[in-house]
C-alpha atoms as a PDB file:
ATOM      1  CA  GLY A   1     -14.137   3.283  -5.414  1.00  0.00           C
ATOM      2  CA  HIS A   2     -17.159   3.246  -2.879  1.00  0.00           C
ATOM      3  CA  MET A   3     -17.011  -0.649  -2.158  1.00  0.00           C
ATOM      4  CA  LEU A   4     -17.276   0.017   1.311  1.00  0.00           C
ATOM      5  CA  ALA A   5     -19.907   2.151   1.176  1.00  0.00           C
ATOM      6  CA  GLU A   6     -21.968  -0.110  -0.769  1.00  0.00           C
ATOM      7  CA  GLN A   7     -21.271  -2.941   1.522  1.00  0.00           C
ATOM      8  CA  VAL A   8     -22.782  -0.855   4.175  1.00  0.00           C
ATOM      9  CA  ALA A   9     -25.663   0.183   2.300  1.00  0.00           C
ATOM     10  CA  SER A  10     -26.567  -3.112   1.022  1.00  0.00           C
ATOM     11  CA  ALA A  11     -26.096  -4.557   4.747  1.00  0.00           C
ATOM     12  CA  GLU A  12     -29.163  -6.082   5.947  1.00  0.00           C
ATOM     13  CA  ARG A  13     -28.619  -4.336   9.602  1.00  0.00           C
ATOM     14  CA  PRO A  14     -26.727  -1.028   8.551  1.00  0.00           C
ATOM     15  CA  LEU A  15     -27.304   0.407  12.037  1.00  0.00           C
ATOM     16  CA  ASP A  16     -25.054  -2.722  13.262  1.00  0.00           C
ATOM     17  CA  ASP A  17     -22.479  -1.906  10.460  1.00  0.00           C
ATOM     18  CA  LEU A  18     -22.374   1.630  11.225  1.00  0.00           C
ATOM     19  CA  ILE A  19     -21.704   1.053  15.075  1.00  0.00           C
ATOM     20  CA  ALA A  20     -19.223  -1.439  14.449  1.00  0.00           C
ATOM     21  CA  LEU A  21     -17.440   0.659  11.836  1.00  0.00           C
ATOM     22  CA  ASN A  22     -17.780   3.456  14.721  1.00  0.00           C
ATOM     23  CA  ASP A  23     -16.050   1.226  17.119  1.00  0.00           C
ATOM     24  CA  ALA A  24     -13.524   0.098  14.474  1.00  0.00           C
ATOM     25  CA  LEU A  25     -12.673   3.943  13.779  1.00  0.00           C
ATOM     26  CA  ALA A  26     -12.125   4.496  17.551  1.00  0.00           C
ATOM     27  CA  ARG A  27      -9.658   1.931  17.809  1.00  0.00           C
ATOM     28  CA  LEU A  28      -7.926   3.231  14.420  1.00  0.00           C
ATOM     29  CA  GLU A  29      -8.057   6.622  16.054  1.00  0.00           C
ATOM     30  CA  ALA A  30      -6.167   5.327  19.141  1.00  0.00           C
ATOM     31  CA  ILE A  31      -3.287   4.004  16.753  1.00  0.00           C
ATOM     32  CA  ASP A  32      -3.316   6.679  14.028  1.00  0.00           C
ATOM     33  CA  PRO A  33      -5.401   9.605  14.198  1.00  0.00           C
ATOM     34  CA  ARG A  34      -4.442  10.851  10.692  1.00  0.00           C
ATOM     35  CA  LYS A  35      -5.841   7.518   9.050  1.00  0.00           C
ATOM     36  CA  ALA A  36      -9.055   7.839  11.349  1.00  0.00           C
ATOM     37  CA  ARG A  37      -9.649  11.557   9.683  1.00  0.00           C
ATOM     38  CA  VAL A  38      -8.974   9.997   6.201  1.00  0.00           C
ATOM     39  CA  VAL A  39     -11.918   7.495   6.860  1.00  0.00           C
ATOM     40  CA  GLU A  40     -13.861  10.049   8.037  1.00  0.00           C
ATOM     41  CA  CYS A  41     -13.387  12.450   4.943  1.00  0.00           C
ATOM     42  CA  ARG A  42     -13.758   9.703   2.667  1.00  0.00           C
ATOM     43  CA  PHE A  43     -16.247   7.977   4.012  1.00  0.00           C
ATOM     44  CA  PHE A  44     -18.907  10.166   5.945  1.00  0.00           C
ATOM     45  CA  GLY A  45     -17.918  13.332   3.735  1.00  0.00           C
ATOM     46  CA  ALA A  46     -17.837  11.453   0.707  1.00  0.00           C
ATOM     47  CA  MET A  47     -14.759  13.374  -0.328  1.00  0.00           C
ATOM     48  CA  SER A  48     -12.160  12.723  -3.196  1.00  0.00           C
ATOM     49  CA  LEU A  49      -8.605  11.866  -2.347  1.00  0.00           C
ATOM     50  CA  GLU A  50      -7.849  15.402  -3.395  1.00  0.00           C
ATOM     51  CA  GLU A  51     -10.432  17.089  -1.199  1.00  0.00           C
ATOM     52  CA  THR A  52      -9.121  14.837   1.750  1.00  0.00           C
ATOM     53  CA  ALA A  53      -5.422  15.643   0.944  1.00  0.00           C
ATOM     54  CA  GLU A  54      -6.459  19.631   1.110  1.00  0.00           C
ATOM     55  CA  ALA A  55      -8.593  19.265   3.997  1.00  0.00           C
ATOM     56  CA  LEU A  56      -6.067  17.237   6.086  1.00  0.00           C
ATOM     57  CA  GLY A  57      -2.928  19.251   4.907  1.00  0.00           C
ATOM     58  CA  SER A  58      -1.088  16.384   3.188  1.00  0.00           C
ATOM     59  CA  SER A  59      -0.265  14.863  -0.127  1.00  0.00           C
ATOM     60  CA  PRO A  60      -2.747  12.926  -1.948  1.00  0.00           C
ATOM     61  CA  ALA A  61      -0.274  10.265  -2.260  1.00  0.00           C
ATOM     62  CA  THR A  62      -0.277  10.014   1.672  1.00  0.00           C
ATOM     63  CA  VAL A  63      -4.040  10.038   1.838  1.00  0.00           C
ATOM     64  CA  SER A  64      -4.200   7.137  -0.871  1.00  0.00           C
ATOM     65  CA  ARG A  65      -1.905   5.174   1.284  1.00  0.00           C
ATOM     66  CA  ASP A  66      -3.688   5.725   4.766  1.00  0.00           C
ATOM     67  CA  TRP A  67      -7.098   4.956   2.899  1.00  0.00           C
ATOM     68  CA  ALA A  68      -5.493   1.950   1.469  1.00  0.00           C
ATOM     69  CA  PHE A  69      -4.267   0.957   4.918  1.00  0.00           C
ATOM     70  CA  ALA A  70      -7.298   1.786   6.821  1.00  0.00           C
ATOM     71  CA  ARG A  71      -9.726  -0.163   4.629  1.00  0.00           C
ATOM     72  CA  ALA A  72      -7.824  -3.195   4.865  1.00  0.00           C
ATOM     73  CA  TRP A  73      -7.574  -2.361   8.481  1.00  0.00           C
ATOM     74  CA  LEU A  74     -11.450  -1.724   8.836  1.00  0.00           C
ATOM     75  CA  HIS A  75     -12.291  -5.164   7.241  1.00  0.00           C
END
């Protein structure tokens, strides 16, 4: 389930990708801060769905939906 991480890691210009990701994350945060937190935990923190749910005080199902939405949104 680390497709996004692999895409960023294998990019020729990972710094540009990270900057773009940060910009996208900032826009996502303006719309839905919780989804932005999910991305930060999953992507930057490499946390599992369960760990992310615990850290954010929500359910794994909610985190899973947020993560799916955020991944689609960031593409």
